[in-house]
Amino acid sequence: MKTPVESASASIDEKIKELGDWRGKMLAKVREIIHQADPEIVEEWKWARATSPGTPVFSHGGIVCTGETYKNVVKMTFAKGAALPDPSGLFNSSLEGNVRRAIDIHEGDKLNEAALKDLIRAAVALNLKGKNKPKP
């Protein structure tokens, strides 16, 4: 029997294969960068419902980011993106929110891998910092 993590990873593998175009390749690349940035990242599959098969979610101490795919974009939504430093200006979507921020990646876009890894590491650090707060 597969563990939830194995099942989630298999679902992400399947999603990449199903897409079969630049979005699948980009989701695979983003996934690789996420794991390079933090080898302890856990893959999850969340929010499946009748109208949606679900979403790849990458977590460590809480949700770090999602890997959503749409017709014309691969979207990385950072759960606590508004609280993260973004000196390279990677966030280009959901900028008006108080909590989340996203990166929309379009076909042909070049990823700034070093800056993305820094952003992922900062998101993990923020999650872990929140876990270590003493309870009032």
Protein backbone atom coordinates (compact mmCIF):
# COMPACT_ATOMS: atom_id res chain seq x y z
CA MET A 1 0.00 0.00 0.00
CA LYS A 2 1.30 3.45 -0.90
CA THR A 3 1.87 6.04 1.79
CA PRO A 4 0.15 9.42 1.31
CA VAL A 5 3.51 10.93 0.25
CA GLU A 6 4.14 8.18 -2.34
CA SER A 7 0.59 8.60 -3.57
CA ALA A 8 0.98 12.39 -3.85
CA SER A 9 4.29 12.04 -5.70
CA ALA A 10 2.69 9.52 -8.07
CA SER A 11 -0.21 11.95 -8.66
CA ILE A 12 2.26 14.72 -9.50
CA ASP A 13 4.16 12.35 -11.84
CA GLU A 14 0.84 11.52 -13.54
CA LYS A 15 -0.11 15.21 -13.84
CA ILE A 16 3.22 16.00 -15.52
CA LYS A 17 2.77 13.07 -17.93
CA GLU A 18 -0.87 13.98 -18.66
CA LEU A 19 -0.01 17.57 -19.58
CA GLY A 20 2.48 16.37 -22.18
CA ASP A 21 3.47 19.88 -23.24
CA TRP A 22 5.59 22.80 -22.01
CA ARG A 23 3.48 23.01 -18.83
CA GLY A 24 4.39 19.45 -17.85
CA LYS A 25 8.07 20.14 -18.50
CA MET A 26 7.88 23.39 -16.50
CA LEU A 27 6.06 21.74 -13.58
CA ALA A 28 8.75 19.02 -13.56
CA LYS A 29 11.49 21.70 -13.61
CA VAL A 30 9.84 23.70 -10.81
CA ARG A 31 9.47 20.51 -8.76
CA GLU A 32 13.18 19.72 -9.28
CA ILE A 33 14.18 23.24 -8.17
CA ILE A 34 11.97 22.98 -5.08
CA HIS A 35 13.65 19.72 -4.03
CA GLN A 36 17.12 21.13 -4.74
CA ALA A 37 16.32 24.13 -2.55
CA ASP A 38 15.07 21.93 0.29
CA PRO A 39 15.52 18.14 0.14
CA GLU A 40 13.11 17.81 3.11
CA ILE A 41 10.16 19.19 1.13
CA VAL A 42 7.13 16.90 1.30
CA GLU A 43 4.89 16.51 -1.74
CA GLU A 44 1.15 16.52 -1.15
CA TRP A 45 -1.95 16.40 -3.34
CA LYS A 46 -4.74 18.65 -2.03
CA TRP A 47 -8.12 20.10 -2.81
CA ALA A 48 -9.39 17.38 -5.15
CA ARG A 49 -13.12 17.68 -5.88
CA ALA A 50 -15.59 16.88 -8.62
CA THR A 51 -14.56 19.88 -10.72
CA SER A 52 -10.81 19.61 -10.10
CA PRO A 53 -8.46 16.63 -9.82
CA GLY A 54 -6.43 18.46 -7.17
CA THR A 55 -3.27 20.49 -6.86
CA PRO A 56 0.38 19.61 -6.24
CA VAL A 57 1.44 21.11 -2.91
CA PHE A 58 4.98 21.34 -1.55
CA SER A 59 5.30 21.56 2.23
CA HIS A 60 7.87 21.77 5.00
CA GLY A 61 6.54 22.93 8.36
CA GLY A 62 3.41 24.04 6.50
CA ILE A 63 2.60 24.82 2.88
CA VAL A 64 5.54 26.37 1.03
CA CYS A 65 3.92 26.63 -2.40
CA THR A 66 1.62 24.99 -4.89
CA GLY A 67 2.33 23.98 -8.49
CA GLU A 68 -0.87 24.75 -10.36
CA THR A 69 -1.25 24.41 -14.12
CA TYR A 70 -3.67 26.35 -16.29
CA LYS A 71 -4.14 26.64 -20.04
CA ASN A 72 -1.48 29.33 -20.51
CA VAL A 73 0.47 29.35 -17.26
CA VAL A 74 2.17 27.31 -14.57
CA LYS A 75 1.50 29.09 -11.27
CA MET A 76 3.51 28.77 -8.09
CA THR A 77 1.47 30.19 -5.23
CA PHE A 78 3.38 30.79 -2.01
CA ALA A 79 1.11 30.43 1.02
CA LYS A 80 2.89 33.18 2.99
CA GLY A 81 4.39 35.00 0.02
CA ALA A 82 3.48 38.49 1.23
CA ALA A 83 5.80 37.97 4.22
CA LEU A 84 8.78 36.84 2.09
CA PRO A 85 11.61 38.99 0.77
CA ASP A 86 11.59 39.03 -3.04
CA PRO A 87 14.63 41.09 -4.06
CA SER A 88 14.65 39.56 -7.56
CA GLY A 89 11.00 40.46 -8.17
CA LEU A 90 9.86 36.90 -8.92
CA PHE A 91 6.31 37.47 -7.67
CA ASN A 92 4.19 38.68 -10.57
CA SER A 93 0.68 37.57 -9.58
CA SER A 94 -1.70 37.81 -6.60
CA LEU A 95 0.19 40.92 -5.54
CA GLU A 96 -2.85 42.58 -3.98
CA GLY A 97 -3.38 39.89 -1.33
CA ASN A 98 -2.35 40.25 2.30
CA VAL A 99 -0.95 36.73 2.62
CA ARG A 100 -0.29 34.85 -0.64
CA ARG A 101 1.87 35.78 -3.60
CA ALA A 102 2.32 33.89 -6.86
CA ILE A 103 4.69 33.48 -9.76
CA ASP A 104 3.03 32.98 -13.14
CA ILE A 105 5.35 31.19 -15.56
CA HIS A 106 4.45 31.41 -19.24
CA GLU A 107 5.68 29.33 -22.14
CA GLY A 108 9.22 30.38 -23.03
CA ASP A 109 9.89 32.12 -19.68
CA LYS A 110 13.35 31.58 -18.25
CA LEU A 111 13.45 30.75 -14.55
CA ASN A 112 15.84 32.54 -12.23
CA GLU A 113 16.70 29.30 -10.44
CA ALA A 114 18.98 30.84 -7.80
CA ALA A 115 16.38 33.44 -6.81
CA LEU A 116 13.62 30.81 -6.80
CA LYS A 117 15.67 28.56 -4.51
CA ASP A 118 16.25 31.52 -2.16
CA LEU A 119 12.51 32.21 -2.11
CA ILE A 120 11.71 28.56 -1.35
CA ARG A 121 14.29 28.48 1.46
CA ALA A 122 12.87 31.71 2.91
CA ALA A 123 9.34 30.22 2.82
CA VAL A 124 10.54 27.09 4.65
CA ALA A 125 12.39 29.21 7.23
CA LEU A 126 9.25 31.29 7.81
CA ASN A 127 7.16 28.13 8.28
CA LEU A 128 9.67 26.63 10.72
CA LYS A 129 10.03 29.90 12.63
CA GLY A 130 6.27 29.90 13.19
CA LYS A 131 6.46 26.33 14.51
CA ASN A 132 9.03 27.29 17.15
CA LYS A 133 7.04 30.11 18.74
CA PRO A 134 6.20 29.50 22.37
CA LYS A 135 2.50 29.04 23.04
CA PRO A 136 1.00 31.95 25.02
